């Protein structure tokens, strides 16, 4: 009986199309949100001396996890982006002119990043459940326990 080394994943666990697509979407939206946060506060519509550009810092630790497709990163990032969506909502109501449009862009990017992360996690969990229960035909919903 030969064991597969832990660094080599079985072929069935290799990333598939939806996994790679949601990863690419999450990385693109993450990058766009980081660029928006920095550009907004330094050049596009700065408030004060541009010190609010540090709001992009909490997003930076997510990049290695996104690139490595770590489920934990996709989960915590899907929660963190709601802070940016909230800031966008506040600034849509309080700012004027260009800053309102930037706030709308921040809301759209935050929601898009949430959807990409949630879809990535959901797809991988569904795929893992199908891998552990091969009797479940592909394309049919996986039965879940009912709690009463």
Protein backbone atom coordinates (compact mmCIF):
# COMPACT_ATOMS: atom_id res chain seq x y z
CA UNK A 1 0.00 0.00 0.00
CA UNK A 2 1.64 3.23 -1.13
CA UNK A 3 0.64 6.54 0.35
CA UNK A 4 0.45 9.72 -1.65
CA UNK A 5 2.86 12.34 -0.31
CA UNK A 6 0.99 15.15 1.44
CA UNK A 7 2.36 17.75 -1.00
CA UNK A 8 0.80 15.97 -3.99
CA UNK A 9 -2.97 16.28 -4.22
CA UNK A 10 -4.97 13.58 -5.96
CA UNK A 11 -6.04 14.47 -9.51
CA UNK A 12 -9.68 14.66 -8.41
CA UNK A 13 -8.86 17.56 -6.07
CA UNK A 14 -7.11 19.63 -8.72
CA UNK A 15 -8.77 23.02 -9.24
CA UNK A 16 -11.58 22.90 -11.78
CA UNK A 17 -13.07 25.63 -13.97
CA UNK A 18 -15.46 27.25 -11.46
CA UNK A 19 -12.81 27.17 -8.73
CA UNK A 20 -10.28 28.93 -10.94
CA UNK A 21 -12.89 31.39 -12.24
CA UNK A 22 -14.04 32.45 -8.77
CA UNK A 23 -10.41 32.72 -7.66
CA UNK A 24 -9.58 34.95 -10.64
CA UNK A 25 -12.64 37.11 -9.97
CA UNK A 26 -11.76 37.44 -6.28
CA UNK A 27 -8.16 38.42 -7.04
CA UNK A 28 -9.21 40.96 -9.70
CA UNK A 29 -11.83 42.53 -7.43
CA UNK A 30 -9.42 42.54 -4.47
CA UNK A 31 -6.80 44.33 -6.58
CA UNK A 32 -9.34 46.86 -7.86
CA UNK A 33 -10.54 47.59 -4.31
CA UNK A 34 -6.99 48.08 -3.02
CA UNK A 35 -6.15 50.40 -5.93
CA UNK A 36 -9.39 52.34 -5.42
CA UNK A 37 -8.78 52.80 -1.69
CA UNK A 38 -5.25 54.10 -2.25
CA UNK A 39 -5.99 56.27 -5.30
CA UNK A 40 -9.12 57.73 -3.73
CA UNK A 41 -7.35 59.04 -0.67
CA UNK A 42 -4.09 60.10 -2.33
CA UNK A 43 -5.12 61.56 -5.71
CA UNK A 44 -8.76 61.30 -6.78
CA UNK A 45 -10.64 62.93 -3.88
CA UNK A 46 -8.35 63.13 -0.85
CA UNK A 47 -9.69 64.04 2.56
CA UNK A 48 -6.99 65.79 4.55
CA UNK A 49 -3.39 64.75 3.97
CA UNK A 50 -4.16 61.37 2.46
CA UNK A 51 -3.71 59.47 5.69
CA UNK A 52 -6.95 57.59 5.07
CA UNK A 53 -5.09 55.59 2.39
CA UNK A 54 -4.12 53.26 5.24
CA UNK A 55 -7.64 51.86 4.99
CA UNK A 56 -6.24 49.54 2.30
CA UNK A 57 -3.85 47.88 4.77
CA UNK A 58 -6.34 45.32 6.20
CA UNK A 59 -6.85 43.95 2.68
CA UNK A 60 -3.15 43.27 2.01
CA UNK A 61 -2.73 40.07 4.10
CA UNK A 62 -5.40 38.40 1.97
CA UNK A 63 -3.31 38.20 -1.21
CA UNK A 64 -1.15 35.16 -0.31
CA UNK A 65 -4.23 33.21 0.80
CA UNK A 66 -6.15 34.14 -2.34
CA UNK A 67 -3.26 33.01 -4.53
CA UNK A 68 -2.93 29.72 -2.61
CA UNK A 69 -6.73 29.22 -2.58
CA UNK A 70 -6.91 28.94 1.21
CA UNK A 71 -10.54 28.55 2.24
CA UNK A 72 -9.92 30.40 5.51
CA UNK A 73 -8.77 33.50 3.61
CA UNK A 74 -11.83 33.50 1.35
CA UNK A 75 -14.05 33.23 4.43
CA UNK A 76 -12.55 36.05 6.47
CA UNK A 77 -12.17 38.29 3.43
CA UNK A 78 -15.88 37.84 2.65
CA UNK A 79 -16.61 39.29 6.09
CA UNK A 80 -13.98 42.05 5.98
CA UNK A 81 -15.28 43.56 2.74
CA UNK A 82 -18.52 44.57 4.46
CA UNK A 83 -16.52 47.24 6.31
CA UNK A 84 -15.62 48.75 2.95
CA UNK A 85 -19.21 48.48 1.71
CA UNK A 86 -20.35 50.26 4.89
CA UNK A 87 -17.78 53.01 4.43
CA UNK A 88 -18.97 53.43 0.85
CA UNK A 89 -22.58 53.71 2.00
CA UNK A 90 -21.68 56.35 4.58
CA UNK A 91 -19.63 58.36 2.11
CA UNK A 92 -22.30 58.22 -0.61
CA UNK A 93 -24.56 60.12 1.78
CA UNK A 94 -21.98 62.48 3.21
CA UNK A 95 -19.59 63.35 0.35
CA UNK A 96 -20.25 65.35 -2.81
CA UNK A 97 -19.17 65.18 -6.43
CA UNK A 98 -16.42 62.77 -7.41
CA UNK A 99 -16.24 61.25 -3.93
CA UNK A 100 -19.84 60.02 -4.25
CA UNK A 101 -18.94 58.15 -7.45
CA UNK A 102 -15.87 56.69 -5.81
CA UNK A 103 -18.04 55.57 -2.90
CA UNK A 104 -20.43 53.85 -5.31
CA UNK A 105 -17.46 52.11 -6.93
CA UNK A 106 -16.27 50.99 -3.49
CA UNK A 107 -19.70 49.54 -2.73
CA UNK A 108 -19.83 47.72 -6.07
CA UNK A 109 -16.31 46.29 -5.68
CA UNK A 110 -16.99 45.23 -2.09
CA UNK A 111 -20.20 43.42 -2.99
CA UNK A 112 -18.54 41.86 -6.03
CA UNK A 113 -15.64 40.62 -3.91
CA UNK A 114 -18.06 39.20 -1.36
CA UNK A 115 -19.95 37.33 -4.09
CA UNK A 116 -16.72 35.97 -5.60
CA UNK A 117 -15.44 34.77 -2.21
CA UNK A 118 -18.77 33.25 -1.21
CA UNK A 119 -19.13 31.50 -4.57
CA UNK A 120 -15.60 30.15 -4.28
CA UNK A 121 -16.22 28.74 -0.80
CA UNK A 122 -19.62 27.34 -1.72
CA UNK A 123 -18.34 25.66 -4.88
CA UNK A 124 -15.38 24.08 -3.11
CA UNK A 125 -17.55 22.81 -0.25
CA UNK A 126 -20.07 21.36 -2.67
CA UNK A 127 -17.29 19.70 -4.66
CA UNK A 128 -15.66 18.30 -1.52
CA UNK A 129 -18.99 16.86 -0.38
CA UNK A 130 -19.48 15.23 -3.78
CA UNK A 131 -15.94 13.79 -3.60
CA UNK A 132 -16.59 12.24 -0.19
CA UNK A 133 -19.98 10.86 -1.24
CA UNK A 134 -19.50 9.44 -4.73
CA UNK A 135 -23.02 7.94 -4.70
CA UNK A 136 -24.45 11.44 -5.11
CA UNK A 137 -24.86 12.11 -8.83
CA UNK A 138 -23.25 15.29 -10.07
CA UNK A 139 -25.66 18.14 -10.65
CA UNK A 140 -28.15 17.02 -7.99
CA UNK A 141 -28.35 18.77 -4.64
CA UNK A 142 -26.46 17.14 -1.82
CA UNK A 143 -28.84 16.13 1.00
CA UNK A 144 -28.33 17.96 4.27
CA UNK A 145 -29.42 17.10 7.77
CA UNK A 146 -32.75 18.55 8.84
CA UNK A 147 -32.87 20.05 12.33
CA UNK A 148 -36.22 20.25 14.04
